[in-house]
PDB file of N, CA and C in Angstrom:
ATOM      1  N   MET A   1      25.208 -12.074 -16.318  1.00  0.00           N
ATOM      2  CA  MET A   1      24.095 -11.465 -15.851  1.00  0.00           C
ATOM      3  C   MET A   1      22.994 -10.724 -16.188  1.00  0.00           C
ATOM      4  N   GLU A   2      24.213  -9.594 -17.345  1.00  0.00           N
ATOM      5  CA  GLU A   2      23.315  -9.447 -18.084  1.00  0.00           C
ATOM      6  C   GLU A   2      22.078  -9.823 -19.337  1.00  0.00           C
ATOM      7  N   ASP A   3      22.822 -10.609 -20.103  1.00  0.00           N
ATOM      8  CA  ASP A   3      21.892 -11.577 -20.991  1.00  0.00           C
ATOM      9  C   ASP A   3      20.439 -12.000 -19.887  1.00  0.00           C
ATOM     10  N   ILE A   4      20.454 -12.583 -18.962  1.00  0.00           N
ATOM     11  CA  ILE A   4      20.126 -13.478 -17.974  1.00  0.00           C
ATOM     12  C   ILE A   4      18.064 -11.911 -17.989  1.00  0.00           C
ATOM     13  N   THR A   5      19.486 -11.031 -17.305  1.00  0.00           N
ATOM     14  CA  THR A   5      18.524  -9.274 -17.295  1.00  0.00           C
ATOM     15  C   THR A   5      16.961  -9.605 -18.380  1.00  0.00           C
ATOM     16  N   LYS A   6      18.328  -9.364 -19.221  1.00  0.00           N
ATOM     17  CA  LYS A   6      17.950  -9.251 -20.965  1.00  0.00           C
ATOM     18  C   LYS A   6      16.964  -9.391 -21.680  1.00  0.00           C
ATOM     19  N   ILE A   7      16.877 -11.012 -21.563  1.00  0.00           N
ATOM     20  CA  ILE A   7      16.305 -12.676 -21.992  1.00  0.00           C
ATOM     21  C   ILE A   7      15.557 -12.706 -21.019  1.00  0.00           C
ATOM     22  N   CYS A   8      15.242 -12.954 -19.595  1.00  0.00           N
ATOM     23  CA  CYS A   8      14.341 -12.990 -18.645  1.00  0.00           C
ATOM     24  C   CYS A   8      14.531 -12.423 -18.020  1.00  0.00           C
ATOM     25  N   GLY A   9      14.586 -11.214 -18.088  1.00  0.00           N
ATOM     26  CA  GLY A   9      13.485  -9.760 -17.274  1.00  0.00           C
ATOM     27  C   GLY A   9      14.281  -9.639 -15.902  1.00  0.00           C
ATOM     28  N   GLU A  10      14.037  -8.688 -14.838  1.00  0.00           N
ATOM     29  CA  GLU A  10      13.988  -8.665 -13.779  1.00  0.00           C
ATOM     30  C   GLU A  10      13.767  -9.758 -12.019  1.00  0.00           C
ATOM     31  N   LYS A  11      14.963  -9.743 -11.715  1.00  0.00           N
ATOM     32  CA  LYS A  11      14.816 -11.639 -11.003  1.00  0.00           C
ATOM     33  C   LYS A  11      13.938 -10.767  -9.729  1.00  0.00           C
ATOM     34  N   THR A  12      13.388 -12.217  -9.499  1.00  0.00           N
ATOM     35  CA  THR A  12      11.880 -11.510  -8.910  1.00  0.00           C
ATOM     36  C   THR A  12      11.977 -12.120  -7.498  1.00  0.00           C
ATOM     37  N   GLY A  13      12.731 -11.900  -6.244  1.00  0.00           N
ATOM     38  CA  GLY A  13      13.115 -12.781  -5.103  1.00  0.00           C
ATOM     39  C   GLY A  13      14.239 -13.603  -4.819  1.00  0.00           C
ATOM     40  N   GLN A  14      14.656 -14.607  -3.757  1.00  0.00           N
ATOM     41  CA  GLN A  14      16.128 -14.644  -4.185  1.00  0.00           C
ATOM     42  C   GLN A  14      16.669 -16.258  -4.582  1.00  0.00           C
ATOM     43  N   PHE A  15      17.484 -16.154  -5.664  1.00  0.00           N
ATOM     44  CA  PHE A  15      17.063 -17.237  -6.127  1.00  0.00           C
ATOM     45  C   PHE A  15      19.027 -17.680  -6.180  1.00  0.00           C
ATOM     46  N   ASP A  16      19.133 -18.443  -6.344  1.00  0.00           N
ATOM     47  CA  ASP A  16      20.408 -19.292  -6.684  1.00  0.00           C
ATOM     48  C   ASP A  16      21.044 -19.699  -8.230  1.00  0.00           C
ATOM     49  N   LEU A  17      21.676 -19.659  -8.433  1.00  0.00           N
ATOM     50  CA  LEU A  17      21.280 -20.887  -9.628  1.00  0.00           C
ATOM     51  C   LEU A  17      22.549 -21.725  -9.075  1.00  0.00           C
ATOM     52  N   SER A  18      23.842 -21.412  -8.424  1.00  0.00           N
ATOM     53  CA  SER A  18      24.295 -22.937  -7.225  1.00  0.00           C
ATOM     54  C   SER A  18      23.487 -23.694  -7.531  1.00  0.00           C
ATOM     55  N   GLU A  19      22.743 -24.000  -6.594  1.00  0.00           N
ATOM     56  CA  GLU A  19      21.712 -24.824  -6.272  1.00  0.00           C
ATOM     57  C   GLU A  19      21.247 -25.615  -6.890  1.00  0.00           C
ATOM     58  N   ILE A  20      21.262 -25.407  -7.866  1.00  0.00           N
ATOM     59  CA  ILE A  20      20.999 -26.213  -8.913  1.00  0.00           C
ATOM     60  C   ILE A  20      22.115 -27.332 -10.089  1.00  0.00           C
ATOM     61  N   GLY A  21      23.338 -26.143 -10.445  1.00  0.00           N
ATOM     62  CA  GLY A  21      24.479 -26.671 -10.819  1.00  0.00           C
ATOM     63  C   GLY A  21      23.717 -28.032 -12.283  1.00  0.00           C
ATOM     64  N   ASN A  22      24.630 -28.870 -11.691  1.00  0.00           N
ATOM     65  CA  ASN A  22      24.158 -30.090 -13.353  1.00  0.00           C
ATOM     66  C   ASN A  22      23.347 -30.953 -13.083  1.00  0.00           C
ATOM     67  N   ASP A  23      22.528 -30.764 -11.892  1.00  0.00           N
ATOM     68  CA  ASP A  23      21.830 -32.168 -11.462  1.00  0.00           C
ATOM     69  C   ASP A  23      20.013 -32.029 -11.964  1.00  0.00           C
ATOM     70  N   PRO A  24      20.496 -32.932 -12.566  1.00  0.00           N
ATOM     71  CA  PRO A  24      20.118 -33.480 -13.922  1.00  0.00           C
ATOM     72  C   PRO A  24      17.748 -34.011 -13.192  1.00  0.00           C
ATOM     73  N   ASN A  25      18.179 -34.276 -11.916  1.00  0.00           N
ATOM     74  CA  ASN A  25      16.717 -33.704 -11.455  1.00  0.00           C
ATOM     75  C   ASN A  25      16.482 -32.733 -10.578  1.00  0.00           C
ATOM     76  N   PHE A  26      17.143 -31.970 -10.936  1.00  0.00           N
ATOM     77  CA  PHE A  26      16.367 -30.782 -10.053  1.00  0.00           C
ATOM     78  C   PHE A  26      14.918 -30.451 -11.219  1.00  0.00           C
ATOM     79  N   VAL A  27      13.659 -30.015 -10.092  1.00  0.00           N
ATOM     80  CA  VAL A  27      12.380 -29.507 -11.170  1.00  0.00           C
ATOM     81  C   VAL A  27      12.407 -27.930 -10.510  1.00  0.00           C
ATOM     82  N   PHE A  28      11.542 -27.965 -11.933  1.00  0.00           N
ATOM     83  CA  PHE A  28      11.725 -26.369 -11.668  1.00  0.00           C
ATOM     84  C   PHE A  28       9.699 -25.980 -11.337  1.00  0.00           C
ATOM     85  N   SER A  29      10.172 -25.300 -10.120  1.00  0.00           N
ATOM     86  CA  SER A  29       8.945 -24.570 -10.396  1.00  0.00           C
ATOM     87  C   SER A  29       8.071 -23.963 -10.744  1.00  0.00           C
ATOM     88  N   ASN A  30       6.628 -23.822 -11.128  1.00  0.00           N
ATOM     89  CA  ASN A  30       6.015 -22.738 -12.661  1.00  0.00           C
ATOM     90  C   ASN A  30       5.552 -21.987 -11.834  1.00  0.00           C
ATOM     91  N   ASP A  31       5.900 -20.374 -12.074  1.00  0.00           N
ATOM     92  CA  ASP A  31       5.775 -19.363 -11.913  1.00  0.00           C
ATOM     93  C   ASP A  31       4.287 -18.843 -11.961  1.00  0.00           C
ATOM     94  N   PRO A  32       2.959 -18.416 -11.893  1.00  0.00           N
ATOM     95  CA  PRO A  32       2.181 -18.347 -12.163  1.00  0.00           C
ATOM     96  C   PRO A  32       2.262 -16.890 -12.926  1.00  0.00           C
ATOM     97  N   ASN A  33       2.987 -16.195 -11.795  1.00  0.00           N
ATOM     98  CA  ASN A  33       3.154 -14.684 -12.271  1.00  0.00           C
ATOM     99  C   ASN A  33       4.805 -14.076 -13.038  1.00  0.00           C
ATOM    100  N   TYR A  34       4.791 -15.466 -13.520  1.00  0.00           N
ATOM    101  CA  TYR A  34       6.277 -15.111 -14.933  1.00  0.00           C
ATOM    102  C   TYR A  34       5.703 -15.372 -16.004  1.00  0.00           C
ATOM    103  N   ASP A  35       5.308 -14.298 -17.115  1.00  0.00           N
ATOM    104  CA  ASP A  35       4.753 -15.052 -18.523  1.00  0.00           C
ATOM    105  C   ASP A  35       6.037 -15.932 -19.024  1.00  0.00           C
ATOM    106  N   THR A  36       5.260 -17.145 -19.492  1.00  0.00           N
ATOM    107  CA  THR A  36       6.511 -17.526 -19.986  1.00  0.00           C
ATOM    108  C   THR A  36       7.505 -17.454 -21.748  1.00  0.00           C
ATOM    109  N   VAL A  37       8.612 -17.775 -21.375  1.00  0.00           N
ATOM    110  CA  VAL A  37       9.555 -17.040 -22.144  1.00  0.00           C
ATOM    111  C   VAL A  37      10.199 -18.387 -23.222  1.00  0.00           C
ATOM    112  N   VAL A  38      10.199 -18.457 -24.966  1.00  0.00           N
ATOM    113  CA  VAL A  38      10.445 -19.755 -25.424  1.00  0.00           C
ATOM    114  C   VAL A  38      12.494 -19.339 -25.823  1.00  0.00           C
ATOM    115  N   LEU A  39      13.046 -20.083 -24.982  1.00  0.00           N
ATOM    116  CA  LEU A  39      14.145 -20.270 -25.588  1.00  0.00           C
ATOM    117  C   LEU A  39      14.568 -21.073 -26.484  1.00  0.00           C
ATOM    118  N   PHE A  40      15.903 -21.115 -27.319  1.00  0.00           N
ATOM    119  CA  PHE A  40      16.499 -21.696 -28.797  1.00  0.00           C
ATOM    120  C   PHE A  40      17.767 -22.124 -27.951  1.00  0.00           C
ATOM    121  N   TYR A  41      18.308 -23.160 -28.387  1.00  0.00           N
ATOM    122  CA  TYR A  41      19.547 -23.702 -28.626  1.00  0.00           C
ATOM    123  C   TYR A  41      20.507 -23.864 -29.851  1.00  0.00           C
ATOM    124  N   SER A  42      21.512 -24.357 -30.015  1.00  0.00           N
ATOM    125  CA  SER A  42      22.432 -23.925 -31.194  1.00  0.00           C
ATOM    126  C   SER A  42      21.751 -24.949 -31.780  1.00  0.00           C
ATOM    127  N   ASP A  43      21.239 -25.655 -31.832  1.00  0.00           N
ATOM    128  CA  ASP A  43      21.176 -27.691 -32.385  1.00  0.00           C
ATOM    129  C   ASP A  43      19.817 -27.409 -32.701  1.00  0.00           C
ATOM    130  N   GLY A  44      19.041 -25.880 -32.884  1.00  0.00           N
ATOM    131  CA  GLY A  44      17.781 -25.673 -32.860  1.00  0.00           C
ATOM    132  C   GLY A  44      16.483 -25.972 -31.981  1.00  0.00           C
ATOM    133  N   THR A  45      16.637 -27.066 -31.084  1.00  0.00           N
ATOM    134  CA  THR A  45      15.872 -27.256 -29.991  1.00  0.00           C
ATOM    135  C   THR A  45      15.455 -25.949 -29.490  1.00  0.00           C
ATOM    136  N   LYS A  46      13.993 -26.158 -29.193  1.00  0.00           N
ATOM    137  CA  LYS A  46      12.772 -24.924 -28.763  1.00  0.00           C
ATOM    138  C   LYS A  46      12.639 -25.386 -27.120  1.00  0.00           C
ATOM    139  N   ILE A  47      12.648 -24.379 -26.266  1.00  0.00           N
ATOM    140  CA  ILE A  47      11.908 -25.357 -25.172  1.00  0.00           C
ATOM    141  C   ILE A  47      11.104 -23.762 -24.476  1.00  0.00           C
ATOM    142  N   ASN A  48      10.507 -23.582 -23.855  1.00  0.00           N
ATOM    143  CA  ASN A  48       9.484 -22.897 -23.154  1.00  0.00           C
ATOM    144  C   ASN A  48       9.723 -22.921 -21.302  1.00  0.00           C
ATOM    145  N   VAL A  49      10.418 -21.907 -21.116  1.00  0.00           N
ATOM    146  CA  VAL A  49      10.367 -21.980 -19.535  1.00  0.00           C
ATOM    147  C   VAL A  49       9.248 -20.929 -18.966  1.00  0.00           C
ATOM    148  N   ASN A  50       9.161 -21.370 -17.856  1.00  0.00           N
ATOM    149  CA  ASN A  50       7.803 -20.973 -17.014  1.00  0.00           C
ATOM    150  C   ASN A  50       8.392 -19.921 -15.716  1.00  0.00           C
ATOM    151  N   SER A  51       9.268 -19.619 -15.384  1.00  0.00           N
ATOM    152  CA  SER A  51       9.736 -19.036 -14.435  1.00  0.00           C
ATOM    153  C   SER A  51      11.405 -18.736 -14.402  1.00  0.00           C
ATOM    154  N   TRP A  52      11.461 -17.192 -13.541  1.00  0.00           N
ATOM    155  CA  TRP A  52      12.784 -17.010 -13.835  1.00  0.00           C
ATOM    156  C   TRP A  52      13.720 -17.664 -13.305  1.00  0.00           C
ATOM    157  N   ILE A  53      13.996 -18.329 -12.307  1.00  0.00           N
ATOM    158  CA  ILE A  53      15.064 -19.340 -12.361  1.00  0.00           C
ATOM    159  C   ILE A  53      15.836 -20.094 -13.688  1.00  0.00           C
ATOM    160  N   GLU A  54      14.025 -20.815 -13.739  1.00  0.00           N
ATOM    161  CA  GLU A  54      14.335 -22.046 -14.763  1.00  0.00           C
ATOM    162  C   GLU A  54      15.083 -20.837 -16.047  1.00  0.00           C
ATOM    163  N   CYS A  55      14.450 -20.240 -16.566  1.00  0.00           N
ATOM    164  CA  CYS A  55      14.789 -19.411 -17.366  1.00  0.00           C
ATOM    165  C   CYS A  55      16.230 -18.820 -17.344  1.00  0.00           C
ATOM    166  N   ALA A  56      16.695 -18.265 -16.326  1.00  0.00           N
ATOM    167  CA  ALA A  56      18.232 -17.878 -15.882  1.00  0.00           C
ATOM    168  C   ALA A  56      19.161 -19.030 -15.805  1.00  0.00           C
ATOM    169  N   ASN A  57      18.857 -19.841 -15.702  1.00  0.00           N
ATOM    170  CA  ASN A  57      19.551 -21.247 -15.637  1.00  0.00           C
ATOM    171  C   ASN A  57      19.903 -21.594 -16.794  1.00  0.00           C
ATOM    172  N   TYR A  58      18.757 -22.259 -18.407  1.00  0.00           N
ATOM    173  CA  TYR A  58      19.063 -22.149 -18.965  1.00  0.00           C
ATOM    174  C   TYR A  58      20.013 -21.259 -19.741  1.00  0.00           C
ATOM    175  N   VAL A  59      19.981 -19.735 -19.789  1.00  0.00           N
ATOM    176  CA  VAL A  59      20.269 -18.969 -20.329  1.00  0.00           C
ATOM    177  C   VAL A  59      21.856 -18.569 -19.734  1.00  0.00           C
ATOM    178  N   SER A  60      22.048 -19.176 -18.710  1.00  0.00           N
ATOM    179  CA  SER A  60      23.222 -19.215 -18.485  1.00  0.00           C
ATOM    180  C   SER A  60      24.102 -20.258 -18.908  1.00  0.00           C
ATOM    181  N   GLY A  61      23.494 -21.336 -19.428  1.00  0.00           N
ATOM    182  CA  GLY A  61      23.415 -22.953 -20.231  1.00  0.00           C
ATOM    183  C   GLY A  61      23.692 -22.364 -20.994  1.00  0.00           C
ATOM    184  N   GLY A  62      24.042 -21.210 -22.334  1.00  0.00           N
ATOM    185  CA  GLY A  62      24.145 -21.212 -23.216  1.00  0.00           C
ATOM    186  C   GLY A  62      22.878 -20.725 -24.526  1.00  0.00           C
ATOM    187  N   TRP A  63      21.877 -20.624 -23.554  1.00  0.00           N
ATOM    188  CA  TRP A  63      20.675 -20.655 -24.609  1.00  0.00           C
ATOM    189  C   TRP A  63      20.032 -19.555 -24.897  1.00  0.00           C
ATOM    190  N   SER A  64      19.410 -19.122 -26.222  1.00  0.00           N
ATOM    191  CA  SER A  64      18.500 -18.121 -25.750  1.00  0.00           C
ATOM    192  C   SER A  64      17.530 -17.395 -26.822  1.00  0.00           C
ATOM    193  N   ASN A  65      16.871 -16.443 -26.849  1.00  0.00           N
ATOM    194  CA  ASN A  65      15.990 -15.980 -27.034  1.00  0.00           C
ATOM    195  C   ASN A  65      15.737 -15.569 -28.563  1.00  0.00           C
ATOM    196  N   THR A  66      16.354 -16.364 -29.227  1.00  0.00           N
ATOM    197  CA  THR A  66      16.535 -15.525 -30.768  1.00  0.00           C
ATOM    198  C   THR A  66      16.836 -17.029 -31.108  1.00  0.00           C
ATOM    199  N   ILE A  67      16.425 -17.348 -32.380  1.00  0.00           N
ATOM    200  CA  ILE A  67      16.769 -18.393 -33.218  1.00  0.00           C
ATOM    201  C   ILE A  67      17.739 -17.978 -34.080  1.00  0.00           C
ATOM    202  N   ILE A  68      18.675 -19.516 -33.564  1.00  0.00           N
ATOM    203  CA  ILE A  68      19.734 -19.160 -34.352  1.00  0.00           C
ATOM    204  C   ILE A  68      20.286 -20.021 -35.503  1.00  0.00           C
ATOM    205  N   SER A  69      19.955 -19.740 -36.736  1.00  0.00           N
ATOM    206  CA  SER A  69      20.120 -20.137 -37.575  1.00  0.00           C
ATOM    207  C   SER A  69      21.398 -21.118 -38.303  1.00  0.00           C
ATOM    208  N   ASN A  70      20.971 -22.603 -38.365  1.00  0.00           N
ATOM    209  CA  ASN A  70      22.242 -23.186 -38.531  1.00  0.00           C
ATOM    210  C   ASN A  70      21.642 -23.820 -40.380  1.00  0.00           C
ATOM    211  N   ASN A  71      22.654 -22.884 -41.347  1.00  0.00           N
ATOM    212  CA  ASN A  71      22.260 -23.509 -42.755  1.00  0.00           C
ATOM    213  C   ASN A  71      22.401 -24.855 -43.066  1.00  0.00           C
ATOM    214  N   ASN A  72      22.250 -25.481 -43.881  1.00  0.00           N
ATOM    215  CA  ASN A  72      21.930 -26.900 -44.067  1.00  0.00           C
ATOM    216  C   ASN A  72      22.835 -26.489 -45.032  1.00  0.00           C
ATOM    217  N   TYR A  73      24.593 -26.526 -45.744  1.00  0.00           N
ATOM    218  CA  TYR A  73      24.706 -25.888 -47.148  1.00  0.00           C
ATOM    219  C   TYR A  73      24.816 -27.563 -47.177  1.00  0.00           C
ATOM    220  N   GLU A  74      24.930 -28.813 -46.975  1.00  0.00           N
ATOM    221  CA  GLU A  74      25.129 -29.759 -47.704  1.00  0.00           C
ATOM    222  C   GLU A  74      23.547 -30.034 -48.689  1.00  0.00           C
ATOM    223  N   GLU A  75      22.078 -29.262 -48.318  1.00  0.00           N
ATOM    224  CA  GLU A  75      21.067 -29.679 -49.099  1.00  0.00           C
ATOM    225  C   GLU A  75      21.114 -28.459 -50.154  1.00  0.00           C
ATOM    226  N   ILE A  76      21.796 -27.851 -49.609  1.00  0.00           N
ATOM    227  CA  ILE A  76      22.282 -26.546 -51.090  1.00  0.00           C
ATOM    228  C   ILE A  76      23.430 -27.154 -51.815  1.00  0.00           C
ATOM    229  N   TYR A  77      23.978 -27.546 -51.724  1.00  0.00           N
ATOM    230  CA  TYR A  77      25.263 -28.401 -52.340  1.00  0.00           C
ATOM    231  C   TYR A  77      24.161 -29.944 -53.087  1.00  0.00           C
ATOM    232  N   PHE A  78      23.372 -30.179 -53.056  1.00  0.00           N
ATOM    233  CA  PHE A  78      22.099 -31.474 -53.098  1.00  0.00           C
ATOM    234  C   PHE A  78      21.805 -30.955 -54.283  1.00  0.00           C
ATOM    235  N   PHE A  79      21.224 -29.608 -54.090  1.00  0.00           N
ATOM    236  CA  PHE A  79      20.099 -29.180 -54.983  1.00  0.00           C
ATOM    237  C   PHE A  79      20.801 -28.861 -56.016  1.00  0.00           C
ATOM    238  N   ILE A  80      22.337 -28.149 -55.762  1.00  0.00           N
ATOM    239  CA  ILE A  80      23.188 -27.483 -56.923  1.00  0.00           C
ATOM    240  C   ILE A  80      22.979 -28.860 -58.061  1.00  0.00           C
ATOM    241  N   LEU A  81      23.577 -30.553 -57.130  1.00  0.00           N
ATOM    242  CA  LEU A  81      24.402 -31.154 -58.494  1.00  0.00           C
ATOM    243  C   LEU A  81      23.227 -31.813 -58.998  1.00  0.00           C
ATOM    244  N   PHE A  82      22.098 -32.159 -58.742  1.00  0.00           N
ATOM    245  CA  PHE A  82      21.004 -32.152 -58.925  1.00  0.00           C
ATOM    246  C   PHE A  82      20.230 -31.327 -60.289  1.00  0.00           C
ATOM    247  N   THR A  83      20.059 -30.000 -60.171  1.00  0.00           N
ATOM    248  CA  THR A  83      19.622 -29.657 -61.185  1.00  0.00           C
ATOM    249  C   THR A  83      20.820 -29.574 -61.796  1.00  0.00           C
ATOM    250  N   PHE A  84      21.883 -29.771 -61.757  1.00  0.00           N
ATOM    251  CA  PHE A  84      22.904 -28.918 -62.892  1.00  0.00           C
ATOM    252  C   PHE A  84      23.461 -30.888 -63.691  1.00  0.00           C
ATOM    253  N   ALA A  85      23.159 -31.888 -62.705  1.00  0.00           N
ATOM    254  CA  ALA A  85      22.541 -33.501 -63.742  1.00  0.00           C
ATOM    255  C   ALA A  85      21.376 -33.411 -63.911  1.00  0.00           C
ATOM    256  N   LEU A  86      20.604 -32.898 -64.270  1.00  0.00           N
ATOM    257  CA  LEU A  86      19.066 -32.881 -64.598  1.00  0.00           C
ATOM    258  C   LEU A  86      19.590 -32.436 -66.067  1.00  0.00           C
ATOM    259  N   SER A  87      20.249 -30.606 -65.527  1.00  0.00           N
ATOM    260  CA  SER A  87      20.238 -30.090 -67.257  1.00  0.00           C
ATOM    261  C   SER A  87      21.382 -30.527 -68.589  1.00  0.00           C
ATOM    262  N   VAL A  88      22.654 -31.568 -67.913  1.00  0.00           N
ATOM    263  CA  VAL A  88      23.052 -32.458 -68.257  1.00  0.00           C
ATOM    264  C   VAL A  88      22.219 -33.101 -69.751  1.00  0.00           C
ATOM    265  N   ILE A  89      21.952 -34.222 -68.794  1.00  0.00           N
ATOM    266  CA  ILE A  89      20.749 -35.747 -69.032  1.00  0.00           C
ATOM    267  C   ILE A  89      19.604 -34.685 -70.389  1.00  0.00           C
ATOM    268  N   ALA A  90      19.317 -33.063 -69.418  1.00  0.00           N
ATOM    269  CA  ALA A  90      18.132 -32.812 -70.678  1.00  0.00           C
ATOM    270  C   ALA A  90      19.174 -32.311 -72.052  1.00  0.00           C
ATOM    271  N   TYR A  91      20.388 -31.432 -71.927  1.00  0.00           N
ATOM    272  CA  TYR A  91      21.045 -30.940 -73.128  1.00  0.00           C
ATOM    273  C   TYR A  91      21.224 -32.319 -73.564  1.00  0.00           C
ATOM    274  N   LYS A  92      21.874 -33.645 -72.930  1.00  0.00           N
ATOM    275  CA  LYS A  92      22.104 -34.554 -74.184  1.00  0.00           C
ATOM    276  C   LYS A  92      21.244 -35.214 -74.537  1.00  0.00           C
ATOM    277  N   ASN A  93      19.727 -35.524 -74.360  1.00  0.00           N
ATOM    278  CA  ASN A  93      18.720 -36.114 -75.019  1.00  0.00           C
ATOM    279  C   ASN A  93      18.150 -34.759 -76.137  1.00  0.00           C
ATOM    280  N   ILE A  94      18.753 -33.291 -75.796  1.00  0.00           N
ATOM    281  CA  ILE A  94      17.762 -32.394 -76.641  1.00  0.00           C
ATOM    282  C   ILE A  94      19.109 -32.516 -78.049  1.00  0.00           C
ATOM    283  N   TYR A  95      19.976 -32.957 -77.418  1.00  0.00           N
ATOM    284  CA  TYR A  95      20.900 -32.117 -78.967  1.00  0.00           C
ATOM    285  C   TYR A  95      21.351 -33.639 -79.861  1.00  0.00           C
ATOM    286  N   LYS A  96      20.675 -34.878 -78.960  1.00  0.00           N
ATOM    287  CA  LYS A  96      20.233 -36.456 -79.736  1.00  0.00           C
ATOM    288  C   LYS A  96      19.432 -36.436 -80.661  1.00  0.00           C
ATOM    289  N   LYS A  97      18.610 -35.607 -80.241  1.00  0.00           N
ATOM    290  CA  LYS A  97      17.103 -35.040 -80.801  1.00  0.00           C
ATOM    291  C   LYS A  97      17.627 -34.443 -81.962  1.00  0.00           C
ATOM    292  N   TYR A  98      17.706 -33.690 -82.049  1.00  0.00           N
ATOM    293  CA  TYR A  98      17.443 -31.952 -82.875  1.00  0.00           C
ATOM    294  C   TYR A  98      19.303 -31.961 -83.674  1.00  0.00           C
ATOM    295  N   VAL A  99      20.702 -32.060 -83.180  1.00  0.00           N
ATOM    296  CA  VAL A  99      21.297 -31.782 -83.807  1.00  0.00           C
ATOM    297  C   VAL A  99      21.817 -33.278 -84.320  1.00  0.00           C
ATOM    298  N   LYS A 100      21.585 -33.883 -84.238  1.00  0.00           N
ATOM    299  CA  LYS A 100      22.740 -35.256 -84.786  1.00  0.00           C
ATOM    300  C   LYS A 100      21.530 -35.803 -86.050  1.00  0.00           C
ATOM    301  N   LYS A 101      21.052 -35.550 -85.645  1.00  0.00           N
ATOM    302  CA  LYS A 101      20.034 -36.092 -87.559  1.00  0.00           C
ATOM    303  C   LYS A 101      20.428 -35.804 -88.439  1.00  0.00           C
TER     304      LYS A 101
END
């Protein structure tokens, strides 16, 4: 509950998160008095929530208001190997051109 208060703000009204449960058809009502909060999930998904109950529901489901960094190590390894391969090719070409004469 502490994370919910920190991210979503103070509870305004009577809300029961257990009413929502895992109902995929639950429709959240927009609260015009609530400032939109942007939430992020661990896979990089981003959503905007427009009511306290919607925010509380997502935060209790693992969403956060901070971007969770997922480093793509495969991309880094690719660039390292690509640079290494180019270096080897360049070295061989320079070696053939200037040293083997």
